[in-house]
Amino acid sequence: MSGMLIAIYIAFAVAGLLTVWRIIIGPSILDRAVASDVLLTLVVCVLGAEMAINHHTRTLPLMLIVAAVSVFASISIARFVARRDGDRQ
């Protein structure tokens, strides 16, 4: 089981680093928005994996809060970009 946990940790770490890299280099706000959604989804997956590994449900409320923040952030960014594109026309 230990080797599998190390592989899971490495996969999550690589995915997180690549996502943060995409947030940093952009180039557009939509690329950064998608990357931040991926990062928040990755956080939810990490919390779920931690719950499954340690056999508890204490972090379930945190998972729900992170998921809600992700949805609200996506909606806010979409509205901002739509409003900004409407001004250009």
PDB file of N, CA and C in Angstrom:
ATOM      1  N   MET A   1       0.828  -1.200   0.000  1.00  0.00           N
ATOM      2  CA  MET A   1       0.000   0.000   0.000  1.00  0.00           C
ATOM      3  C   MET A   1       0.865   1.253   0.000  1.00  0.00           C
ATOM      4  N   SER A   2       2.027   1.210   0.593  1.00  0.00           N
ATOM      5  CA  SER A   2       2.882   2.381   0.694  1.00  0.00           C
ATOM      6  C   SER A   2       3.355   2.862  -0.681  1.00  0.00           C
ATOM      7  N   GLY A   3       3.693   1.952  -1.560  1.00  0.00           N
ATOM      8  CA  GLY A   3       4.133   2.338  -2.901  1.00  0.00           C
ATOM      9  C   GLY A   3       3.019   3.000  -3.688  1.00  0.00           C
ATOM     10  N   MET A   4       1.797   2.514  -3.484  1.00  0.00           N
ATOM     11  CA  MET A   4       0.663   3.115  -4.167  1.00  0.00           C
ATOM     12  C   MET A   4       0.383   4.522  -3.639  1.00  0.00           C
ATOM     13  N   LEU A   5       0.533   4.732  -2.352  1.00  0.00           N
ATOM     14  CA  LEU A   5       0.341   6.059  -1.780  1.00  0.00           C
ATOM     15  C   LEU A   5       1.373   7.046  -2.310  1.00  0.00           C
ATOM     16  N   ILE A   6       2.605   6.598  -2.433  1.00  0.00           N
ATOM     17  CA  ILE A   6       3.651   7.466  -2.982  1.00  0.00           C
ATOM     18  C   ILE A   6       3.330   7.840  -4.420  1.00  0.00           C
ATOM     19  N   ALA A   7       2.839   6.881  -5.205  1.00  0.00           N
ATOM     20  CA  ALA A   7       2.465   7.157  -6.592  1.00  0.00           C
ATOM     21  C   ALA A   7       1.308   8.154  -6.655  1.00  0.00           C
ATOM     22  N   ILE A   8       0.345   8.025  -5.756  1.00  0.00           N
ATOM     23  CA  ILE A   8      -0.783   8.955  -5.708  1.00  0.00           C
ATOM     24  C   ILE A   8      -0.297  10.349  -5.338  1.00  0.00           C
ATOM     25  N   TYR A   9       0.561  10.442  -4.330  1.00  0.00           N
ATOM     26  CA  TYR A   9       1.094  11.743  -3.914  1.00  0.00           C
ATOM     27  C   TYR A   9       1.874  12.406  -5.051  1.00  0.00           C
ATOM     28  N   ILE A  10       2.673  11.628  -5.758  1.00  0.00           N
ATOM     29  CA  ILE A  10       3.464  12.171  -6.866  1.00  0.00           C
ATOM     30  C   ILE A  10       2.547  12.651  -7.984  1.00  0.00           C
ATOM     31  N   ALA A  11       1.501  11.862  -8.309  1.00  0.00           N
ATOM     32  CA  ALA A  11       0.575  12.262  -9.377  1.00  0.00           C
ATOM     33  C   ALA A  11      -0.141  13.559  -9.022  1.00  0.00           C
ATOM     34  N   PHE A  12      -0.611  13.679  -7.780  1.00  0.00           N
ATOM     35  CA  PHE A  12      -1.285  14.912  -7.355  1.00  0.00           C
ATOM     36  C   PHE A  12      -0.319  16.094  -7.348  1.00  0.00           C
ATOM     37  N   ALA A  13       0.913  15.866  -6.915  1.00  0.00           N
ATOM     38  CA  ALA A  13       1.896  16.954  -6.875  1.00  0.00           C
ATOM     39  C   ALA A  13       2.246  17.440  -8.279  1.00  0.00           C
ATOM     40  N   VAL A  14       2.446  16.526  -9.207  1.00  0.00           N
ATOM     41  CA  VAL A  14       2.761  16.912 -10.580  1.00  0.00           C
ATOM     42  C   VAL A  14       1.581  17.654 -11.199  1.00  0.00           C
ATOM     43  N   ALA A  15       0.374  17.152 -10.985  1.00  0.00           N
ATOM     44  CA  ALA A  15      -0.810  17.822 -11.526  1.00  0.00           C
ATOM     45  C   ALA A  15      -0.954  19.221 -10.933  1.00  0.00           C
ATOM     46  N   GLY A  16      -0.700  19.365  -9.647  1.00  0.00           N
ATOM     47  CA  GLY A  16      -0.782  20.677  -9.012  1.00  0.00           C
ATOM     48  C   GLY A  16       0.258  21.640  -9.542  1.00  0.00           C
ATOM     49  N   LEU A  17       1.470  21.173  -9.716  1.00  0.00           N
ATOM     50  CA  LEU A  17       2.529  22.042 -10.242  1.00  0.00           C
ATOM     51  C   LEU A  17       2.255  22.477 -11.678  1.00  0.00           C
ATOM     52  N   LEU A  18       1.774  21.556 -12.496  1.00  0.00           N
ATOM     53  CA  LEU A  18       1.446  21.916 -13.876  1.00  0.00           C
ATOM     54  C   LEU A  18       0.288  22.909 -13.933  1.00  0.00           C
ATOM     55  N   THR A  19      -0.664  22.750 -13.043  1.00  0.00           N
ATOM     56  CA  THR A  19      -1.799  23.670 -13.009  1.00  0.00           C
ATOM     57  C   THR A  19      -1.364  25.056 -12.548  1.00  0.00           C
ATOM     58  N   VAL A  20      -0.529  25.111 -11.527  1.00  0.00           N
ATOM     59  CA  VAL A  20      -0.023  26.402 -11.065  1.00  0.00           C
ATOM     60  C   VAL A  20       0.817  27.063 -12.159  1.00  0.00           C
ATOM     61  N   TRP A  21       1.564  26.276 -12.888  1.00  0.00           N
ATOM     62  CA  TRP A  21       2.348  26.815 -14.002  1.00  0.00           C
ATOM     63  C   TRP A  21       1.431  27.449 -15.051  1.00  0.00           C
ATOM     64  N   ARG A  22       0.309  26.794 -15.354  1.00  0.00           N
ATOM     65  CA  ARG A  22      -0.636  27.344 -16.324  1.00  0.00           C
ATOM     66  C   ARG A  22      -1.265  28.630 -15.799  1.00  0.00           C
ATOM     67  N   ILE A  23      -1.516  28.698 -14.505  1.00  0.00           N
ATOM     68  CA  ILE A  23      -2.061  29.926 -13.924  1.00  0.00           C
ATOM     69  C   ILE A  23      -1.047  31.063 -14.059  1.00  0.00           C
ATOM     70  N   ILE A  24       0.215  30.764 -13.866  1.00  0.00           N
ATOM     71  CA  ILE A  24       1.255  31.798 -13.919  1.00  0.00           C
ATOM     72  C   ILE A  24       1.472  32.300 -15.342  1.00  0.00           C
ATOM     73  N   ILE A  25       1.586  31.390 -16.310  1.00  0.00           N
ATOM     74  CA  ILE A  25       1.952  31.826 -17.658  1.00  0.00           C
ATOM     75  C   ILE A  25       0.760  32.236 -18.512  1.00  0.00           C
ATOM     76  N   GLY A  26      -0.457  31.887 -18.108  1.00  0.00           N
ATOM     77  CA  GLY A  26      -1.644  32.380 -18.816  1.00  0.00           C
ATOM     78  C   GLY A  26      -1.851  31.780 -20.181  1.00  0.00           C
ATOM     79  N   PRO A  27      -1.902  32.481 -21.242  1.00  0.00           N
ATOM     80  CA  PRO A  27      -1.724  33.912 -21.451  1.00  0.00           C
ATOM     81  C   PRO A  27      -3.003  34.727 -21.258  1.00  0.00           C
ATOM     82  N   SER A  28      -4.179  34.126 -21.374  1.00  0.00           N
ATOM     83  CA  SER A  28      -5.409  34.917 -21.248  1.00  0.00           C
ATOM     84  C   SER A  28      -6.064  34.667 -19.898  1.00  0.00           C
ATOM     85  N   ILE A  29      -7.044  35.489 -19.578  1.00  0.00           N
ATOM     86  CA  ILE A  29      -7.760  35.329 -18.320  1.00  0.00           C
ATOM     87  C   ILE A  29      -8.571  34.030 -18.319  1.00  0.00           C
ATOM     88  N   LEU A  30      -9.040  33.619 -19.479  1.00  0.00           N
ATOM     89  CA  LEU A  30      -9.804  32.369 -19.538  1.00  0.00           C
ATOM     90  C   LEU A  30      -8.908  31.157 -19.295  1.00  0.00           C
ATOM     91  N   ASP A  31      -7.667  31.199 -19.782  1.00  0.00           N
ATOM     92  CA  ASP A  31      -6.726  30.116 -19.485  1.00  0.00           C
ATOM     93  C   ASP A  31      -6.466  30.028 -17.985  1.00  0.00           C
ATOM     94  N   ARG A  32      -6.300  31.173 -17.361  1.00  0.00           N
ATOM     95  CA  ARG A  32      -6.076  31.196 -15.916  1.00  0.00           C
ATOM     96  C   ARG A  32      -7.314  30.736 -15.155  1.00  0.00           C
ATOM     97  N   ALA A  33      -8.498  31.090 -15.647  1.00  0.00           N
ATOM     98  CA  ALA A  33      -9.741  30.670 -14.994  1.00  0.00           C
ATOM     99  C   ALA A  33      -9.920  29.156 -15.063  1.00  0.00           C
ATOM    100  N   VAL A  34      -9.657  28.590 -16.221  1.00  0.00           N
ATOM    101  CA  VAL A  34      -9.766  27.133 -16.363  1.00  0.00           C
ATOM    102  C   VAL A  34      -8.741  26.440 -15.473  1.00  0.00           C
ATOM    103  N   ALA A  35      -7.532  26.970 -15.425  1.00  0.00           N
ATOM    104  CA  ALA A  35      -6.496  26.375 -14.582  1.00  0.00           C
ATOM    105  C   ALA A  35      -6.863  26.475 -13.104  1.00  0.00           C
ATOM    106  N   SER A  36      -7.467  27.590 -12.697  1.00  0.00           N
ATOM    107  CA  SER A  36      -7.870  27.696 -11.289  1.00  0.00           C
ATOM    108  C   SER A  36      -9.005  26.730 -10.977  1.00  0.00           C
ATOM    109  N   ASP A  37      -9.914  26.500 -11.928  1.00  0.00           N
ATOM    110  CA  ASP A  37     -10.958  25.491 -11.736  1.00  0.00           C
ATOM    111  C   ASP A  37     -10.343  24.097 -11.597  1.00  0.00           C
ATOM    112  N   VAL A  38      -9.362  23.825 -12.431  1.00  0.00           N
ATOM    113  CA  VAL A  38      -8.680  22.527 -12.347  1.00  0.00           C
ATOM    114  C   VAL A  38      -7.970  22.381 -11.002  1.00  0.00           C
ATOM    115  N   LEU A  39      -7.345  23.458 -10.538  1.00  0.00           N
ATOM    116  CA  LEU A  39      -6.647  23.403  -9.260  1.00  0.00           C
ATOM    117  C   LEU A  39      -7.620  23.164  -8.103  1.00  0.00           C
ATOM    118  N   LEU A  40      -8.758  23.842  -8.122  1.00  0.00           N
ATOM    119  CA  LEU A  40      -9.740  23.618  -7.064  1.00  0.00           C
ATOM    120  C   LEU A  40     -10.330  22.208  -7.138  1.00  0.00           C
ATOM    121  N   THR A  41     -10.528  21.696  -8.345  1.00  0.00           N
ATOM    122  CA  THR A  41     -10.979  20.315  -8.496  1.00  0.00           C
ATOM    123  C   THR A  41      -9.927  19.349  -7.975  1.00  0.00           C
ATOM    124  N   LEU A  42      -8.677  19.649  -8.225  1.00  0.00           N
ATOM    125  CA  LEU A  42      -7.587  18.823  -7.715  1.00  0.00           C
ATOM    126  C   LEU A  42      -7.559  18.835  -6.188  1.00  0.00           C
ATOM    127  N   VAL A  43      -7.824  19.990  -5.586  1.00  0.00           N
ATOM    128  CA  VAL A  43      -7.880  20.078  -4.127  1.00  0.00           C
ATOM    129  C   VAL A  43      -9.004  19.193  -3.583  1.00  0.00           C
ATOM    130  N   VAL A  44     -10.158  19.220  -4.237  1.00  0.00           N
ATOM    131  CA  VAL A  44     -11.273  18.371  -3.813  1.00  0.00           C
ATOM    132  C   VAL A  44     -10.887  16.897  -3.943  1.00  0.00           C
ATOM    133  N   CYS A  45     -10.209  16.536  -5.024  1.00  0.00           N
ATOM    134  CA  CYS A  45      -9.770  15.147  -5.213  1.00  0.00           C
ATOM    135  C   CYS A  45      -8.756  14.726  -4.151  1.00  0.00           C
ATOM    136  N   VAL A  46      -7.846  15.627  -3.813  1.00  0.00           N
ATOM    137  CA  VAL A  46      -6.855  15.318  -2.777  1.00  0.00           C
ATOM    138  C   VAL A  46      -7.548  15.114  -1.428  1.00  0.00           C
ATOM    139  N   LEU A  47      -8.501  15.974  -1.120  1.00  0.00           N
ATOM    140  CA  LEU A  47      -9.236  15.816   0.135  1.00  0.00           C
ATOM    141  C   LEU A  47     -10.038  14.514   0.144  1.00  0.00           C
ATOM    142  N   GLY A  48     -10.633  14.167  -0.988  1.00  0.00           N
ATOM    143  CA  GLY A  48     -11.364  12.900  -1.074  1.00  0.00           C
ATOM    144  C   GLY A  48     -10.451  11.698  -0.937  1.00  0.00           C
ATOM    145  N   ALA A  49      -9.282  11.767  -1.557  1.00  0.00           N
ATOM    146  CA  ALA A  49      -8.320  10.668  -1.424  1.00  0.00           C
ATOM    147  C   ALA A  49      -7.835  10.543   0.014  1.00  0.00           C
ATOM    148  N   GLU A  50      -7.612  11.681   0.662  1.00  0.00           N
ATOM    149  CA  GLU A  50      -7.185  11.650   2.064  1.00  0.00           C
ATOM    150  C   GLU A  50      -8.272  11.046   2.946  1.00  0.00           C
ATOM    151  N   MET A  51      -9.525  11.351   2.656  1.00  0.00           N
ATOM    152  CA  MET A  51     -10.620  10.756   3.419  1.00  0.00           C
ATOM    153  C   MET A  51     -10.662   9.249   3.205  1.00  0.00           C
ATOM    154  N   ALA A  52     -10.495   8.808   1.962  1.00  0.00           N
ATOM    155  CA  ALA A  52     -10.546   7.373   1.672  1.00  0.00           C
ATOM    156  C   ALA A  52      -9.363   6.636   2.300  1.00  0.00           C
ATOM    157  N   ILE A  53      -8.192   7.255   2.275  1.00  0.00           N
ATOM    158  CA  ILE A  53      -7.002   6.604   2.829  1.00  0.00           C
ATOM    159  C   ILE A  53      -7.096   6.479   4.346  1.00  0.00           C
ATOM    160  N   ASN A  54      -7.564   7.529   5.008  1.00  0.00           N
ATOM    161  CA  ASN A  54      -7.608   7.533   6.475  1.00  0.00           C
ATOM    162  C   ASN A  54      -8.954   7.102   7.054  1.00  0.00           C
ATOM    163  N   HIS A  55      -9.892   6.730   6.217  1.00  0.00           N
ATOM    164  CA  HIS A  55     -11.194   6.185   6.641  1.00  0.00           C
ATOM    165  C   HIS A  55     -11.946   7.121   7.584  1.00  0.00           C
ATOM    166  N   HIS A  56     -12.195   8.354   7.137  1.00  0.00           N
ATOM    167  CA  HIS A  56     -12.984   9.297   7.925  1.00  0.00           C
ATOM    168  C   HIS A  56     -13.743  10.217   6.983  1.00  0.00           C
ATOM    169  N   THR A  57     -14.630  11.023   7.543  1.00  0.00           N
ATOM    170  CA  THR A  57     -15.407  11.974   6.741  1.00  0.00           C
ATOM    171  C   THR A  57     -15.322  13.386   7.310  1.00  0.00           C
ATOM    172  N   ARG A  58     -14.291  13.674   8.071  1.00  0.00           N
ATOM    173  CA  ARG A  58     -14.172  14.990   8.714  1.00  0.00           C
ATOM    174  C   ARG A  58     -13.948  16.122   7.722  1.00  0.00           C
ATOM    175  N   THR A  59     -13.354  15.847   6.585  1.00  0.00           N
ATOM    176  CA  THR A  59     -13.062  16.918   5.634  1.00  0.00           C
ATOM    177  C   THR A  59     -14.156  17.091   4.579  1.00  0.00           C
ATOM    178  N   LEU A  60     -15.264  16.391   4.731  1.00  0.00           N
ATOM    179  CA  LEU A  60     -16.359  16.528   3.777  1.00  0.00           C
ATOM    180  C   LEU A  60     -16.917  17.951   3.720  1.00  0.00           C
ATOM    181  N   PRO A  61     -17.137  18.639   4.854  1.00  0.00           N
ATOM    182  CA  PRO A  61     -17.597  20.029   4.750  1.00  0.00           C
ATOM    183  C   PRO A  61     -16.611  20.932   4.006  1.00  0.00           C
ATOM    184  N   LEU A  62     -15.325  20.707   4.199  1.00  0.00           N
ATOM    185  CA  LEU A  62     -14.319  21.493   3.485  1.00  0.00           C
ATOM    186  C   LEU A  62     -14.390  21.231   1.982  1.00  0.00           C
ATOM    187  N   MET A  63     -14.617  19.985   1.602  1.00  0.00           N
ATOM    188  CA  MET A  63     -14.764  19.657   0.191  1.00  0.00           C
ATOM    189  C   MET A  63     -15.959  20.388  -0.420  1.00  0.00           C
ATOM    190  N   LEU A  64     -17.056  20.431   0.306  1.00  0.00           N
ATOM    191  CA  LEU A  64     -18.247  21.113  -0.194  1.00  0.00           C
ATOM    192  C   LEU A  64     -18.016  22.613  -0.330  1.00  0.00           C
ATOM    193  N   ILE A  65     -17.312  23.203   0.618  1.00  0.00           N
ATOM    194  CA  ILE A  65     -17.015  24.642   0.552  1.00  0.00           C
ATOM    195  C   ILE A  65     -16.114  24.946  -0.635  1.00  0.00           C
ATOM    196  N   VAL A  66     -15.080  24.148  -0.841  1.00  0.00           N
ATOM    197  CA  VAL A  66     -14.170  24.367  -1.971  1.00  0.00           C
ATOM    198  C   VAL A  66     -14.919  24.207  -3.290  1.00  0.00           C
ATOM    199  N   ALA A  67     -15.805  23.220  -3.386  1.00  0.00           N
ATOM    200  CA  ALA A  67     -16.584  23.028  -4.611  1.00  0.00           C
ATOM    201  C   ALA A  67     -17.506  24.218  -4.865  1.00  0.00           C
ATOM    202  N   ALA A  68     -18.133  24.733  -3.815  1.00  0.00           N
ATOM    203  CA  ALA A  68     -19.022  25.887  -3.971  1.00  0.00           C
ATOM    204  C   ALA A  68     -18.240  27.125  -4.394  1.00  0.00           C
ATOM    205  N   VAL A  69     -17.092  27.340  -3.794  1.00  0.00           N
ATOM    206  CA  VAL A  69     -16.255  28.483  -4.178  1.00  0.00           C
ATOM    207  C   VAL A  69     -15.838  28.364  -5.639  1.00  0.00           C
ATOM    208  N   SER A  70     -15.523  27.169  -6.070  1.00  0.00           N
ATOM    209  CA  SER A  70     -15.123  26.945  -7.456  1.00  0.00           C
ATOM    210  C   SER A  70     -16.253  27.299  -8.418  1.00  0.00           C
ATOM    211  N   VAL A  71     -17.453  26.872  -8.099  1.00  0.00           N
ATOM    212  CA  VAL A  71     -18.601  27.171  -8.967  1.00  0.00           C
ATOM    213  C   VAL A  71     -18.862  28.664  -9.014  1.00  0.00           C
ATOM    214  N   PHE A  72     -18.880  29.311  -7.845  1.00  0.00           N
ATOM    215  CA  PHE A  72     -19.142  30.748  -7.807  1.00  0.00           C
ATOM    216  C   PHE A  72     -18.044  31.546  -8.515  1.00  0.00           C
ATOM    217  N   ALA A  73     -16.814  31.112  -8.387  1.00  0.00           N
ATOM    218  CA  ALA A  73     -15.718  31.797  -9.070  1.00  0.00           C
ATOM    219  C   ALA A  73     -15.842  31.646 -10.584  1.00  0.00           C
ATOM    220  N   SER A  74     -16.216  30.471 -11.049  1.00  0.00           N
ATOM    221  CA  SER A  74     -16.386  30.262 -12.484  1.00  0.00           C
ATOM    222  C   SER A  74     -17.504  31.136 -13.042  1.00  0.00           C
ATOM    223  N   ILE A  75     -18.596  31.215 -12.315  1.00  0.00           N
ATOM    224  CA  ILE A  75     -19.719  32.052 -12.756  1.00  0.00           C
ATOM    225  C   ILE A  75     -19.306  33.521 -12.778  1.00  0.00           C
ATOM    226  N   SER A  76     -18.597  33.968 -11.762  1.00  0.00           N
ATOM    227  CA  SER A  76     -18.164  35.365 -11.701  1.00  0.00           C
ATOM    228  C   SER A  76     -17.226  35.711 -12.846  1.00  0.00           C
ATOM    229  N   ILE A  77     -16.280  34.830 -13.127  1.00  0.00           N
ATOM    230  CA  ILE A  77     -15.342  35.083 -14.221  1.00  0.00           C
ATOM    231  C   ILE A  77     -16.069  35.081 -15.558  1.00  0.00           C
ATOM    232  N   ALA A  78     -17.001  34.157 -15.743  1.00  0.00           N
ATOM    233  CA  ALA A  78     -17.758  34.108 -16.996  1.00  0.00           C
ATOM    234  C   ALA A  78     -18.575  35.383 -17.189  1.00  0.00           C
ATOM    235  N   ARG A  79     -19.180  35.882 -16.122  1.00  0.00           N
ATOM    236  CA  ARG A  79     -19.956  37.119 -16.232  1.00  0.00           C
ATOM    237  C   ARG A  79     -19.039  38.311 -16.526  1.00  0.00           C
ATOM    238  N   PHE A  80     -17.884  38.339 -15.895  1.00  0.00           N
ATOM    239  CA  PHE A  80     -16.927  39.422 -16.136  1.00  0.00           C
ATOM    240  C   PHE A  80     -16.451  39.429 -17.579  1.00  0.00           C
ATOM    241  N   VAL A  81     -16.101  38.263 -18.096  1.00  0.00           N
ATOM    242  CA  VAL A  81     -15.598  38.170 -19.468  1.00  0.00           C
ATOM    243  C   VAL A  81     -16.715  38.498 -20.456  1.00  0.00           C
ATOM    244  N   ALA A  82     -17.927  38.046 -20.193  1.00  0.00           N
ATOM    245  CA  ALA A  82     -19.045  38.344 -21.089  1.00  0.00           C
ATOM    246  C   ALA A  82     -19.347  39.839 -21.099  1.00  0.00           C
ATOM    247  N   ARG A  83     -19.303  40.472 -19.950  1.00  0.00           N
ATOM    248  CA  ARG A  83     -19.555  41.899 -19.868  1.00  0.00           C
ATOM    249  C   ARG A  83     -18.452  42.686 -20.576  1.00  0.00           C
ATOM    250  N   ARG A  84     -17.195  42.251 -20.386  1.00  0.00           N
ATOM    251  CA  ARG A  84     -16.064  42.925 -21.026  1.00  0.00           C
ATOM    252  C   ARG A  84     -16.114  42.763 -22.537  1.00  0.00           C
ATOM    253  N   ASP A  85     -16.486  41.578 -23.026  1.00  0.00           N
ATOM    254  CA  ASP A  85     -16.610  41.366 -24.468  1.00  0.00           C
ATOM    255  C   ASP A  85     -17.771  42.157 -25.040  1.00  0.00           C
ATOM    256  N   GLY A  86     -18.824  42.353 -24.277  1.00  0.00           N
ATOM    257  CA  GLY A  86     -19.958  43.141 -24.738  1.00  0.00           C
ATOM    258  C   GLY A  86     -19.613  44.611 -24.886  1.00  0.00           C
ATOM    259  N   ASP A  87     -18.699  45.104 -24.071  1.00  0.00           N
ATOM    260  CA  ASP A  87     -18.275  46.497 -24.171  1.00  0.00           C
ATOM    261  C   ASP A  87     -17.438  46.767 -25.416  1.00  0.00           C
ATOM    262  N   ARG A  88     -16.756  45.766 -25.908  1.00  0.00           N
ATOM    263  CA  ARG A  88     -15.881  45.934 -27.072  1.00  0.00           C
ATOM    264  C   ARG A  88     -16.651  46.055 -28.369  1.00  0.00           C
ATOM    265  N   GLN A  89     -17.869  45.560 -28.408  1.00  0.00           N
ATOM    266  CA  GLN A  89     -18.623  45.551 -29.662  1.00  0.00           C
ATOM    267  C   GLN A  89     -19.219  46.859 -29.987  1.00  0.00           C
TER     268      GLN A  89
END
